Amino acid sequence: MPVTFTFGEMLSARSVIGTTLAELGETHDNLWVLTPDIGATLVEFRDKYPDRFLDVGLAEQVCVGIAAGLAYDGNIPVVSGMLPFLSMRALEQVRTDVCYPNLPVKIIGTHGGLVGNGGSTHYAVEDLALMCALTNMTVTSIGDPLMVGEVLRQSMSMEGPIYIRLAVGKKDMVLYGEGEHDIRIGKGITARQGTDATIFTHGTVVSQALQAADELAKDGRSVRVVDMFTLKPIDADLIAQCAEETGGRFVVVEDHLAYGGLASRIADVVADRGIRLTAFRRLGIPQVYAGFGEDEQLRDKFGYGLAATIAATREVIAAKA
């Protein structure tokens, strides 16, 4: 694998995808990689295994359908593309062709959330709600580019499908040192310890949550940050543990619609288990179609940027039990 990176360095998640798939192609002779005309970072796999690479052009439904057919024949297909289209344009194929027969198709892509400055048609903001609703689908949202390779490697032995959500994937912040955390699909990562409140987050805003915790620490506040990179199956035991250890004070920050994503998944666990909370705040995209803009600007505009995260955490810490 590549050299060790440290927190704050930037790395392309797309490059990690390409390198990892090329490596996995050596040990898995039934690994296929398919793309709907978004294959610039898959060149290494394409050149090494041209007979197991397929670019179908701008036809996401066809791409998912072919992947399902390959899986029926005993192969491990990876579909790589842009998530706004893989999650919505091909939703019927994902549901019926992949999830219904529980096939080991890996769907990985970019542009999860308000990233890329592509406007409403090119933002995947409903995708996690859609994918979590599908039977048999495992759903992940990754912020650290180095985690992408590990999740892909683990997914090779999975029987059913998995959805792997990334941001733009060109310049991503490395969050964790090599071996710093036990990365396992289905388990959250306690990225920072704390006792006054817990910020739950995923994907591109994990670094923002860590920054918020750092700012609050200057005032003597101890804030836990949990990178809940697997939304389904969600780590319910970790949620219960955080409620007990941080006074039942939760903030959820995500680059997704405020309802239907991680906050809703956590709220379900709280209700189903009868967990008592002192305060609960969800920060995410309101019911709007966002226009153009840089992701940080849009997060500030819609109330889930750094300042809003700090303010919400202060509020839940101040809440009376």
C-alpha atoms as a PDB file:
ATOM      1  CA  MET A   1       0.000   0.000   0.000  1.00  0.00           C
ATOM      2  CA  PRO A   2       1.036   3.693  -0.297  1.00  0.00           C
ATOM      3  CA  VAL A   3       3.171   5.496   2.264  1.00  0.00           C
ATOM      4  CA  THR A   4       1.673   6.574   5.559  1.00  0.00           C
ATOM      5  CA  PHE A   5      -0.118   9.912   5.525  1.00  0.00           C
ATOM      6  CA  THR A   6      -0.800  12.170   8.491  1.00  0.00           C
ATOM      7  CA  PHE A   7      -3.831  14.213   9.504  1.00  0.00           C
ATOM      8  CA  GLY A   8      -4.316  17.286   7.367  1.00  0.00           C
ATOM      9  CA  GLU A   9      -2.571  16.007   4.251  1.00  0.00           C
ATOM     10  CA  MET A  10      -4.586  15.926   1.051  1.00  0.00           C
ATOM     11  CA  LEU A  11      -5.048  12.887  -1.147  1.00  0.00           C
ATOM     12  CA  SER A  12      -7.290  11.903  -4.043  1.00  0.00           C
ATOM     13  CA  ALA A  13      -9.870   9.285  -3.085  1.00  0.00           C
ATOM     14  CA  ARG A  14     -10.323   8.592  -6.787  1.00  0.00           C
ATOM     15  CA  SER A  15      -6.665   7.625  -7.065  1.00  0.00           C
ATOM     16  CA  VAL A  16      -7.060   5.306  -4.076  1.00  0.00           C
ATOM     17  CA  ILE A  17     -10.009   3.642  -5.826  1.00  0.00           C
ATOM     18  CA  GLY A  18      -8.004   3.081  -8.989  1.00  0.00           C
ATOM     19  CA  THR A  19      -4.932   1.751  -7.197  1.00  0.00           C
ATOM     20  CA  THR A  20      -6.919  -0.510  -4.883  1.00  0.00           C
ATOM     21  CA  LEU A  21      -9.004  -2.033  -7.662  1.00  0.00           C
ATOM     22  CA  ALA A  22      -5.870  -2.730  -9.712  1.00  0.00           C
ATOM     23  CA  GLU A  23      -4.349  -4.513  -6.710  1.00  0.00           C
ATOM     24  CA  LEU A  24      -7.520  -6.481  -6.015  1.00  0.00           C
ATOM     25  CA  GLY A  25      -7.643  -7.540  -9.641  1.00  0.00           C
ATOM     26  CA  GLU A  26      -4.493  -9.586  -9.040  1.00  0.00           C
ATOM     27  CA  THR A  27      -6.017 -11.639  -6.222  1.00  0.00           C
ATOM     28  CA  HIS A  28      -9.595 -11.748  -7.477  1.00  0.00           C
ATOM     29  CA  ASP A  29      -9.708 -12.999 -11.041  1.00  0.00           C
ATOM     30  CA  ASN A  30     -13.507 -12.599 -11.014  1.00  0.00           C
ATOM     31  CA  LEU A  31     -13.371  -8.869 -10.219  1.00  0.00           C
ATOM     32  CA  TRP A  32     -14.968  -6.690 -12.887  1.00  0.00           C
ATOM     33  CA  VAL A  33     -15.000  -2.894 -13.005  1.00  0.00           C
ATOM     34  CA  LEU A  34     -17.761  -1.058 -14.854  1.00  0.00           C
ATOM     35  CA  THR A  35     -18.388   2.648 -15.357  1.00  0.00           C
ATOM     36  CA  PRO A  36     -20.928   4.898 -17.084  1.00  0.00           C
ATOM     37  CA  ASP A  37     -18.289   7.043 -18.812  1.00  0.00           C
ATOM     38  CA  ILE A  38     -16.614   8.090 -15.517  1.00  0.00           C
ATOM     39  CA  GLY A  39     -13.471   6.008 -15.790  1.00  0.00           C
ATOM     40  CA  ALA A  40     -10.544   8.425 -15.794  1.00  0.00           C
ATOM     41  CA  THR A  41      -9.200   7.064 -12.496  1.00  0.00           C
ATOM     42  CA  LEU A  42      -9.769   3.438 -13.483  1.00  0.00           C
ATOM     43  CA  VAL A  43      -7.093   3.440 -16.169  1.00  0.00           C
ATOM     44  CA  GLU A  44      -4.719   1.268 -14.147  1.00  0.00           C
ATOM     45  CA  PHE A  45      -7.308  -1.503 -13.826  1.00  0.00           C
ATOM     46  CA  ARG A  46      -8.402  -1.076 -17.445  1.00  0.00           C
ATOM     47  CA  ASP A  47      -4.847  -1.398 -18.743  1.00  0.00           C
ATOM     48  CA  LYS A  48      -3.996  -4.420 -16.572  1.00  0.00           C
ATOM     49  CA  TYR A  49      -7.302  -6.257 -17.042  1.00  0.00           C
ATOM     50  CA  PRO A  50      -8.936  -4.982 -20.234  1.00  0.00           C
ATOM     51  CA  ASP A  51     -11.117  -8.095 -20.508  1.00  0.00           C
ATOM     52  CA  ARG A  52     -12.677  -7.298 -17.121  1.00  0.00           C
ATOM     53  CA  PHE A  53     -13.287  -3.585 -17.668  1.00  0.00           C
ATOM     54  CA  LEU A  54     -16.396  -2.138 -19.289  1.00  0.00           C
ATOM     55  CA  ASP A  55     -17.355   1.459 -20.010  1.00  0.00           C
ATOM     56  CA  VAL A  56     -21.003   1.491 -21.099  1.00  0.00           C
ATOM     57  CA  GLY A  57     -21.168   5.232 -21.776  1.00  0.00           C
ATOM     58  CA  LEU A  58     -23.689   7.547 -20.120  1.00  0.00           C
ATOM     59  CA  ALA A  59     -26.154   4.801 -19.247  1.00  0.00           C
ATOM     60  CA  GLU A  60     -26.263   4.163 -15.501  1.00  0.00           C
ATOM     61  CA  GLN A  61     -29.243   1.797 -15.724  1.00  0.00           C
ATOM     62  CA  VAL A  62     -27.418  -0.356 -18.255  1.00  0.00           C
ATOM     63  CA  CYS A  63     -24.260  -0.325 -16.134  1.00  0.00           C
ATOM     64  CA  VAL A  64     -26.062  -1.604 -13.039  1.00  0.00           C
ATOM     65  CA  GLY A  65     -27.998  -4.173 -15.052  1.00  0.00           C
ATOM     66  CA  ILE A  66     -24.837  -5.605 -16.599  1.00  0.00           C
ATOM     67  CA  ALA A  67     -23.187  -5.679 -13.174  1.00  0.00           C
ATOM     68  CA  ALA A  68     -26.090  -7.741 -11.860  1.00  0.00           C
ATOM     69  CA  GLY A  69     -25.728 -10.172 -14.744  1.00  0.00           C
ATOM     70  CA  LEU A  70     -22.024 -10.579 -14.079  1.00  0.00           C
ATOM     71  CA  ALA A  71     -22.728 -11.210 -10.392  1.00  0.00           C
ATOM     72  CA  TYR A  72     -25.215 -13.955 -11.296  1.00  0.00           C
ATOM     73  CA  ASP A  73     -22.346 -15.625 -13.156  1.00  0.00           C
ATOM     74  CA  GLY A  74     -20.144 -15.691 -10.039  1.00  0.00           C
ATOM     75  CA  ASN A  75     -18.242 -12.447 -10.532  1.00  0.00           C
ATOM     76  CA  ILE A  76     -17.631  -9.478  -8.207  1.00  0.00           C
ATOM     77  CA  PRO A  77     -18.673  -6.329 -10.092  1.00  0.00           C
ATOM     78  CA  VAL A  78     -17.712  -2.814  -9.026  1.00  0.00           C
ATOM     79  CA  VAL A  79     -19.696   0.046 -10.550  1.00  0.00           C
ATOM     80  CA  SER A  80     -17.897   3.389 -10.331  1.00  0.00           C
ATOM     81  CA  GLY A  81     -19.525   6.664 -11.324  1.00  0.00           C
ATOM     82  CA  MET A  82     -21.335   9.792 -10.140  1.00  0.00           C
ATOM     83  CA  LEU A  83     -23.732   9.094  -7.303  1.00  0.00           C
ATOM     84  CA  PRO A  84     -26.472  11.588  -8.232  1.00  0.00           C
ATOM     85  CA  PHE A  85     -27.171   9.383 -11.232  1.00  0.00           C
ATOM     86  CA  LEU A  86     -26.288   5.949  -9.872  1.00  0.00           C
ATOM     87  CA  SER A  87     -28.564   6.495  -6.867  1.00  0.00           C
ATOM     88  CA  MET A  88     -31.536   7.978  -8.734  1.00  0.00           C
ATOM     89  CA  ARG A  89     -31.430   7.303 -12.459  1.00  0.00           C
ATOM     90  CA  ALA A  90     -30.575   3.650 -11.823  1.00  0.00           C
ATOM     91  CA  LEU A  91     -32.597   3.249  -8.616  1.00  0.00           C
ATOM     92  CA  GLU A  92     -34.979   0.677 -10.060  1.00  0.00           C
ATOM     93  CA  GLN A  93     -32.092  -1.445 -11.349  1.00  0.00           C
ATOM     94  CA  VAL A  94     -30.289  -1.183  -7.996  1.00  0.00           C
ATOM     95  CA  ARG A  95     -33.438  -2.218  -6.142  1.00  0.00           C
ATOM     96  CA  THR A  96     -34.732  -4.965  -8.413  1.00  0.00           C
ATOM     97  CA  ASP A  97     -31.663  -6.299 -10.229  1.00  0.00           C
ATOM     98  CA  VAL A  98     -29.159  -6.051  -7.350  1.00  0.00           C
ATOM     99  CA  CYS A  99     -30.856  -5.837  -3.940  1.00  0.00           C
ATOM    100  CA  TYR A 100     -33.764  -8.199  -4.568  1.00  0.00           C
ATOM    101  CA  PRO A 101     -31.474 -11.171  -5.403  1.00  0.00           C
ATOM    102  CA  ASN A 102     -28.877  -9.869  -2.869  1.00  0.00           C
ATOM    103  CA  LEU A 103     -25.994  -9.798  -5.337  1.00  0.00           C
ATOM    104  CA  PRO A 104     -22.414  -8.735  -4.418  1.00  0.00           C
ATOM    105  CA  VAL A 105     -22.383  -5.576  -6.553  1.00  0.00           C
ATOM    106  CA  LYS A 106     -20.275  -2.703  -5.213  1.00  0.00           C
ATOM    107  CA  ILE A 107     -21.526   0.779  -6.111  1.00  0.00           C
ATOM    108  CA  ILE A 108     -18.912   3.442  -5.453  1.00  0.00           C
ATOM    109  CA  GLY A 109     -18.961   7.027  -6.559  1.00  0.00           C
ATOM    110  CA  THR A 110     -18.459  10.719  -6.039  1.00  0.00           C
ATOM    111  CA  HIS A 111     -20.476  13.913  -5.573  1.00  0.00           C
ATOM    112  CA  GLY A 112     -22.223  12.918  -2.368  1.00  0.00           C
ATOM    113  CA  GLY A 113     -23.661  16.087  -0.824  1.00  0.00           C
ATOM    114  CA  LEU A 114     -23.270  19.698  -1.920  1.00  0.00           C
ATOM    115  CA  VAL A 115     -19.835  19.264  -3.476  1.00  0.00           C
ATOM    116  CA  GLY A 116     -18.443  19.894  -6.918  1.00  0.00           C
ATOM    117  CA  ASN A 117     -20.298  23.169  -7.612  1.00  0.00           C
ATOM    118  CA  GLY A 118     -22.465  21.383 -10.169  1.00  0.00           C
ATOM    119  CA  GLY A 119     -25.874  22.671  -9.139  1.00  0.00           C
ATOM    120  CA  SER A 120     -28.930  20.761  -7.956  1.00  0.00           C
ATOM    121  CA  THR A 121     -28.894  18.170 -10.730  1.00  0.00           C
ATOM    122  CA  HIS A 122     -25.350  17.125  -9.819  1.00  0.00           C
ATOM    123  CA  TYR A 123     -25.674  16.946  -6.029  1.00  0.00           C
ATOM    124  CA  ALA A 124     -26.506  13.625  -4.369  1.00  0.00           C
ATOM    125  CA  VAL A 125     -28.480  14.803  -1.345  1.00  0.00           C
ATOM    126  CA  GLU A 126     -31.264  12.191  -1.155  1.00  0.00           C
ATOM    127  CA  ASP A 127     -29.037   9.218  -1.904  1.00  0.00           C
ATOM    128  CA  LEU A 128     -28.420   7.916   1.609  1.00  0.00           C
ATOM    129  CA  ALA A 129     -32.127   7.928   2.414  1.00  0.00           C
ATOM    130  CA  LEU A 130     -32.840   6.018  -0.787  1.00  0.00           C
ATOM    131  CA  MET A 131     -30.076   3.465  -0.324  1.00  0.00           C
ATOM    132  CA  CYS A 132     -30.819   2.878   3.373  1.00  0.00           C
ATOM    133  CA  ALA A 133     -34.414   2.093   2.421  1.00  0.00           C
ATOM    134  CA  LEU A 134     -33.332  -0.768   0.155  1.00  0.00           C
ATOM    135  CA  THR A 135     -33.410  -4.291   1.578  1.00  0.00           C
ATOM    136  CA  ASN A 136     -29.984  -6.019   1.701  1.00  0.00           C
ATOM    137  CA  MET A 137     -28.013  -2.829   0.899  1.00  0.00           C
ATOM    138  CA  THR A 138     -25.052  -1.856   3.083  1.00  0.00           C
ATOM    139  CA  VAL A 139     -24.549   1.917   3.042  1.00  0.00           C
ATOM    140  CA  THR A 140     -21.318   3.808   3.744  1.00  0.00           C
ATOM    141  CA  SER A 141     -20.154   7.419   3.494  1.00  0.00           C
ATOM    142  CA  ILE A 142     -16.402   7.958   3.692  1.00  0.00           C
ATOM    143  CA  GLY A 143     -14.446  11.098   4.480  1.00  0.00           C
ATOM    144  CA  ASP A 144     -10.865   9.834   4.750  1.00  0.00           C
ATOM    145  CA  PRO A 145      -9.487   8.839   1.308  1.00  0.00           C
ATOM    146  CA  LEU A 146      -7.313   6.111   2.814  1.00  0.00           C
ATOM    147  CA  MET A 147     -10.417   4.422   4.232  1.00  0.00           C
ATOM    148  CA  VAL A 148     -11.742   3.892   0.724  1.00  0.00           C
ATOM    149  CA  GLY A 149      -9.186   1.209  -0.014  1.00  0.00           C
ATOM    150  CA  GLU A 150      -9.860  -0.634   3.241  1.00  0.00           C
ATOM    151  CA  VAL A 151     -13.626  -0.593   2.730  1.00  0.00           C
ATOM    152  CA  LEU A 152     -13.223  -1.861  -0.823  1.00  0.00           C
ATOM    153  CA  ARG A 153     -10.981  -4.688   0.368  1.00  0.00           C
ATOM    154  CA  GLN A 154     -13.449  -5.705   3.075  1.00  0.00           C
ATOM    155  CA  SER A 155     -16.331  -5.570   0.617  1.00  0.00           C
ATOM    156  CA  MET A 156     -14.787  -8.279  -1.564  1.00  0.00           C
ATOM    157  CA  SER A 157     -15.975 -10.966   0.861  1.00  0.00           C
ATOM    158  CA  MET A 158     -19.476  -9.547   1.315  1.00  0.00           C
ATOM    159  CA  GLU A 159     -22.362 -11.589  -0.035  1.00  0.00           C
ATOM    160  CA  GLY A 160     -24.692  -8.671  -0.736  1.00  0.00           C
ATOM    161  CA  PRO A 161     -24.421  -5.195  -2.265  1.00  0.00           C
ATOM    162  CA  ILE A 162     -22.706  -2.137  -0.811  1.00  0.00           C
ATOM    163  CA  TYR A 163     -23.003   1.581  -1.546  1.00  0.00           C
ATOM    164  CA  ILE A 164     -19.831   3.633  -0.984  1.00  0.00           C
ATOM    165  CA  ARG A 165     -20.329   7.401  -0.961  1.00  0.00           C
ATOM    166  CA  LEU A 166     -17.517   9.918  -1.485  1.00  0.00           C
ATOM    167  CA  ALA A 167     -17.271  13.661  -2.011  1.00  0.00           C
ATOM    168  CA  VAL A 168     -15.625  14.932  -5.206  1.00  0.00           C
ATOM    169  CA  GLY A 169     -12.697  12.638  -4.503  1.00  0.00           C
ATOM    170  CA  LYS A 170      -9.999  14.798  -6.056  1.00  0.00           C
ATOM    171  CA  LYS A 171      -8.542  16.490  -2.992  1.00  0.00           C
ATOM    172  CA  ASP A 172      -9.603  14.939   0.302  1.00  0.00           C
ATOM    173  CA  MET A 173      -8.186  15.419   3.791  1.00  0.00           C
ATOM    174  CA  VAL A 174      -6.498  12.450   5.442  1.00  0.00           C
ATOM    175  CA  LEU A 175      -8.156  12.180   8.858  1.00  0.00           C
ATOM    176  CA  TYR A 176      -6.545   9.175  10.498  1.00  0.00           C
ATOM    177  CA  GLY A 177      -3.062   7.778  10.785  1.00  0.00           C
ATOM    178  CA  GLU A 178      -2.332   4.277   9.571  1.00  0.00           C
ATOM    179  CA  GLY A 179      -3.546   1.755  12.155  1.00  0.00           C
ATOM    180  CA  GLU A 180      -4.993   4.494  14.377  1.00  0.00           C
ATOM    181  CA  HIS A 181      -8.494   3.018  14.244  1.00  0.00           C
ATOM    182  CA  ASP A 182     -10.024  -0.377  13.654  1.00  0.00           C
ATOM    183  CA  ILE A 183     -11.969   0.270  10.465  1.00  0.00           C
ATOM    184  CA  ARG A 184     -14.767  -2.241  10.095  1.00  0.00           C
ATOM    185  CA  ILE A 185     -17.891  -1.983   7.981  1.00  0.00           C
ATOM    186  CA  GLY A 186     -20.812  -1.685  10.366  1.00  0.00           C
ATOM    187  CA  LYS A 187     -18.839  -0.059  13.191  1.00  0.00           C
ATOM    188  CA  GLY A 188     -18.470   3.643  13.873  1.00  0.00           C
ATOM    189  CA  ILE A 189     -15.134   5.327  14.571  1.00  0.00           C
ATOM    190  CA  THR A 190     -14.633   7.434  17.680  1.00  0.00           C
ATOM    191  CA  ALA A 191     -12.457  10.034  15.994  1.00  0.00           C
ATOM    192  CA  ARG A 192     -12.134  12.112  19.151  1.00  0.00           C
ATOM    193  CA  GLN A 193     -12.977  11.322  22.764  1.00  0.00           C
ATOM    194  CA  GLY A 194     -15.143  13.648  24.845  1.00  0.00           C
ATOM    195  CA  THR A 195     -17.623  13.688  27.702  1.00  0.00           C
ATOM    196  CA  ASP A 196     -19.832  16.804  27.330  1.00  0.00           C
ATOM    197  CA  ALA A 197     -21.582  15.945  24.042  1.00  0.00           C
ATOM    198  CA  THR A 198     -21.246  13.789  20.936  1.00  0.00           C
ATOM    199  CA  ILE A 199     -21.121  15.042  17.366  1.00  0.00           C
ATOM    200  CA  PHE A 200     -22.113  12.274  14.960  1.00  0.00           C
ATOM    201  CA  THR A 201     -21.084  12.813  11.364  1.00  0.00           C
ATOM    202  CA  HIS A 202     -19.901  11.142   8.166  1.00  0.00           C
ATOM    203  CA  GLY A 203     -18.215  11.839   4.857  1.00  0.00           C
ATOM    204  CA  THR A 204     -16.851  15.204   3.895  1.00  0.00           C
ATOM    205  CA  VAL A 205     -17.937  16.992   7.110  1.00  0.00           C
ATOM    206  CA  VAL A 206     -16.000  14.760   9.522  1.00  0.00           C
ATOM    207  CA  SER A 207     -13.074  17.190   9.334  1.00  0.00           C
ATOM    208  CA  GLN A 208     -15.470  20.053  10.096  1.00  0.00           C
ATOM    209  CA  ALA A 209     -16.775  18.227  13.191  1.00  0.00           C
ATOM    210  CA  LEU A 210     -13.222  17.668  14.398  1.00  0.00           C
ATOM    211  CA  GLN A 211     -12.464  21.341  13.884  1.00  0.00           C
ATOM    212  CA  ALA A 212     -15.589  22.285  15.851  1.00  0.00           C
ATOM    213  CA  ALA A 213     -14.479  20.045  18.717  1.00  0.00           C
ATOM    214  CA  ASP A 214     -11.056  21.701  18.676  1.00  0.00           C
ATOM    215  CA  GLU A 215     -12.634  25.154  18.884  1.00  0.00           C
ATOM    216  CA  LEU A 216     -14.912  24.121  21.748  1.00  0.00           C
ATOM    217  CA  ALA A 217     -11.949  22.639  23.603  1.00  0.00           C
ATOM    218  CA  LYS A 218     -10.523  26.154  23.859  1.00  0.00           C
ATOM    219  CA  ASP A 219     -13.479  26.944  26.151  1.00  0.00           C
ATOM    220  CA  GLY A 220     -12.911  23.831  28.196  1.00  0.00           C
ATOM    221  CA  ARG A 221     -15.634  21.801  26.471  1.00  0.00           C
ATOM    222  CA  SER A 222     -14.965  18.113  25.906  1.00  0.00           C
ATOM    223  CA  VAL A 223     -16.725  17.002  22.718  1.00  0.00           C
ATOM    224  CA  ARG A 224     -16.703  13.493  21.293  1.00  0.00           C
ATOM    225  CA  VAL A 225     -16.711  13.090  17.497  1.00  0.00           C
ATOM    226  CA  VAL A 226     -18.027   9.871  15.985  1.00  0.00           C
ATOM    227  CA  ASP A 227     -17.418   9.135  12.316  1.00  0.00           C
ATOM    228  CA  MET A 228     -20.470   6.960  11.613  1.00  0.00           C
ATOM    229  CA  PHE A 229     -19.207   6.017   8.173  1.00  0.00           C
ATOM    230  CA  THR A 230     -21.550   3.035   8.000  1.00  0.00           C
ATOM    231  CA  LEU A 231     -25.157   4.201   8.076  1.00  0.00           C
ATOM    232  CA  LYS A 232     -26.558   0.731   7.441  1.00  0.00           C
ATOM    233  CA  PRO A 233     -26.142  -1.435   9.422  1.00  0.00           C
ATOM    234  CA  ILE A 234     -25.695   1.335  11.967  1.00  0.00           C
ATOM    235  CA  ASP A 235     -23.610   0.879  15.106  1.00  0.00           C
ATOM    236  CA  ALA A 236     -26.488   1.000  17.595  1.00  0.00           C
ATOM    237  CA  ASP A 237     -24.310  -0.092  20.506  1.00  0.00           C
ATOM    238  CA  LEU A 238     -21.975   2.853  19.970  1.00  0.00           C
ATOM    239  CA  ILE A 239     -24.949   5.238  19.878  1.00  0.00           C
ATOM    240  CA  ALA A 240     -26.176   3.869  23.215  1.00  0.00           C
ATOM    241  CA  GLN A 241     -22.681   4.115  24.670  1.00  0.00           C
ATOM    242  CA  CYS A 242     -22.338   7.750  23.600  1.00  0.00           C
ATOM    243  CA  ALA A 243     -25.719   8.602  25.128  1.00  0.00           C
ATOM    244  CA  GLU A 244     -24.585   7.187  28.448  1.00  0.00           C
ATOM    245  CA  GLU A 245     -21.094   8.665  28.424  1.00  0.00           C
ATOM    246  CA  THR A 246     -21.822  12.157  27.039  1.00  0.00           C
ATOM    247  CA  GLY A 247     -24.937  13.039  28.998  1.00  0.00           C
ATOM    248  CA  GLY A 248     -27.432  12.212  26.255  1.00  0.00           C
ATOM    249  CA  ARG A 249     -26.388  15.281  24.291  1.00  0.00           C
ATOM    250  CA  PHE A 250     -26.246  14.650  20.543  1.00  0.00           C
ATOM    251  CA  VAL A 251     -25.514  16.783  17.492  1.00  0.00           C
ATOM    252  CA  VAL A 252     -25.706  15.195  14.039  1.00  0.00           C
ATOM    253  CA  VAL A 253     -24.015  16.993  11.141  1.00  0.00           C
ATOM    254  CA  GLU A 254     -24.227  15.643   7.616  1.00  0.00           C
ATOM    255  CA  ASP A 255     -23.932  16.745   4.002  1.00  0.00           C
ATOM    256  CA  HIS A 256     -27.337  15.277   3.130  1.00  0.00           C
ATOM    257  CA  LEU A 257     -30.950  16.242   3.620  1.00  0.00           C
ATOM    258  CA  ALA A 258     -31.467  16.823   7.338  1.00  0.00           C
ATOM    259  CA  TYR A 259     -34.230  14.226   7.360  1.00  0.00           C
ATOM    260  CA  GLY A 260     -33.702  10.758   5.924  1.00  0.00           C
ATOM    261  CA  GLY A 261     -29.966  10.408   6.498  1.00  0.00           C
ATOM    262  CA  LEU A 262     -27.794   9.725   9.535  1.00  0.00           C
ATOM    263  CA  ALA A 263     -29.841  11.863  11.935  1.00  0.00           C
ATOM    264  CA  SER A 264     -32.951   9.880  11.098  1.00  0.00           C
ATOM    265  CA  ARG A 265     -31.072   6.591  11.491  1.00  0.00           C
ATOM    266  CA  ILE A 266     -29.830   7.648  14.934  1.00  0.00           C
ATOM    267  CA  ALA A 267     -33.288   8.879  15.940  1.00  0.00           C
ATOM    268  CA  ASP A 268     -34.687   5.453  15.018  1.00  0.00           C
ATOM    269  CA  VAL A 269     -32.157   3.726  17.275  1.00  0.00           C
ATOM    270  CA  VAL A 270     -32.934   6.121  20.134  1.00  0.00           C
ATOM    271  CA  ALA A 271     -36.681   5.497  19.791  1.00  0.00           C
ATOM    272  CA  ASP A 272     -36.427   1.725  19.294  1.00  0.00           C
ATOM    273  CA  ARG A 273     -34.098   1.214  22.261  1.00  0.00           C
ATOM    274  CA  GLY A 274     -35.800   3.723  24.528  1.00  0.00           C
ATOM    275  CA  ILE A 275     -32.590   5.692  24.983  1.00  0.00           C
ATOM    276  CA  ARG A 276     -33.067   8.838  27.043  1.00  0.00           C
ATOM    277  CA  LEU A 277     -31.501  11.969  25.544  1.00  0.00           C
ATOM    278  CA  THR A 278     -31.055  15.388  27.105  1.00  0.00           C
ATOM    279  CA  ALA A 279     -30.809  17.254  23.794  1.00  0.00           C
ATOM    280  CA  PHE A 280     -30.729  16.346  20.101  1.00  0.00           C
ATOM    281  CA  ARG A 281     -29.906  18.648  17.188  1.00  0.00           C
ATOM    282  CA  ARG A 282     -29.699  17.704  13.515  1.00  0.00           C
ATOM    283  CA  LEU A 283     -27.806  19.864  11.025  1.00  0.00           C
ATOM    284  CA  GLY A 284     -28.051  19.179   7.326  1.00  0.00           C
ATOM    285  CA  ILE A 285     -29.554  20.381   4.070  1.00  0.00           C
ATOM    286  CA  PRO A 286     -33.068  21.829   4.471  1.00  0.00           C
ATOM    287  CA  GLN A 287     -35.842  21.072   1.991  1.00  0.00           C
ATOM    288  CA  VAL A 288     -34.347  23.176  -0.797  1.00  0.00           C
ATOM    289  CA  TYR A 289     -32.676  22.603  -4.143  1.00  0.00           C
ATOM    290  CA  ALA A 290     -29.293  24.194  -3.606  1.00  0.00           C
ATOM    291  CA  GLY A 291     -27.787  26.354  -6.301  1.00  0.00           C
ATOM    292  CA  PHE A 292     -24.191  26.768  -7.328  1.00  0.00           C
ATOM    293  CA  GLY A 293     -21.403  27.479  -4.882  1.00  0.00           C
ATOM    294  CA  GLU A 294     -18.414  25.997  -3.137  1.00  0.00           C
ATOM    295  CA  ASP A 295     -19.303  23.340  -0.592  1.00  0.00           C
ATOM    296  CA  GLU A 296     -18.099  25.312   2.427  1.00  0.00           C
ATOM    297  CA  GLN A 297     -20.122  28.338   1.345  1.00  0.00           C
ATOM    298  CA  LEU A 298     -23.232  26.223   0.834  1.00  0.00           C
ATOM    299  CA  ARG A 299     -22.874  24.580   4.239  1.00  0.00           C
ATOM    300  CA  ASP A 300     -22.732  28.023   5.840  1.00  0.00           C
ATOM    301  CA  LYS A 301     -25.670  29.234   3.760  1.00  0.00           C
ATOM    302  CA  PHE A 302     -27.904  26.340   4.754  1.00  0.00           C
ATOM    303  CA  GLY A 303     -26.985  26.254   8.418  1.00  0.00           C
ATOM    304  CA  TYR A 304     -24.684  23.272   8.843  1.00  0.00           C
ATOM    305  CA  GLY A 305     -21.266  24.837   8.461  1.00  0.00           C
ATOM    306  CA  LEU A 306     -18.564  25.170  11.095  1.00  0.00           C
ATOM    307  CA  ALA A 307     -20.118  28.111  12.953  1.00  0.00           C
ATOM    308  CA  ALA A 308     -23.510  26.402  13.053  1.00  0.00           C
ATOM    309  CA  THR A 309     -21.940  23.173  14.305  1.00  0.00           C
ATOM    310  CA  ILE A 310     -20.170  24.991  17.138  1.00  0.00           C
ATOM    311  CA  ALA A 311     -23.350  26.898  18.072  1.00  0.00           C
ATOM    312  CA  ALA A 312     -25.515  23.764  18.065  1.00  0.00           C
ATOM    313  CA  THR A 313     -23.019  21.905  20.236  1.00  0.00           C
ATOM    314  CA  ARG A 314     -22.925  24.751  22.721  1.00  0.00           C
ATOM    315  CA  GLU A 315     -26.730  24.619  22.904  1.00  0.00           C
ATOM    316  CA  VAL A 316     -26.909  20.896  23.631  1.00  0.00           C
ATOM    317  CA  ILE A 317     -24.152  21.154  26.244  1.00  0.00           C
ATOM    318  CA  ALA A 318     -26.111  23.928  27.966  1.00  0.00           C
ATOM    319  CA  ALA A 319     -29.363  21.946  27.930  1.00  0.00           C
ATOM    320  CA  LYS A 320     -30.644  20.941  31.360  1.00  0.00           C
ATOM    321  CA  ALA A 321     -30.982  17.239  32.056  1.00  0.00           C
END
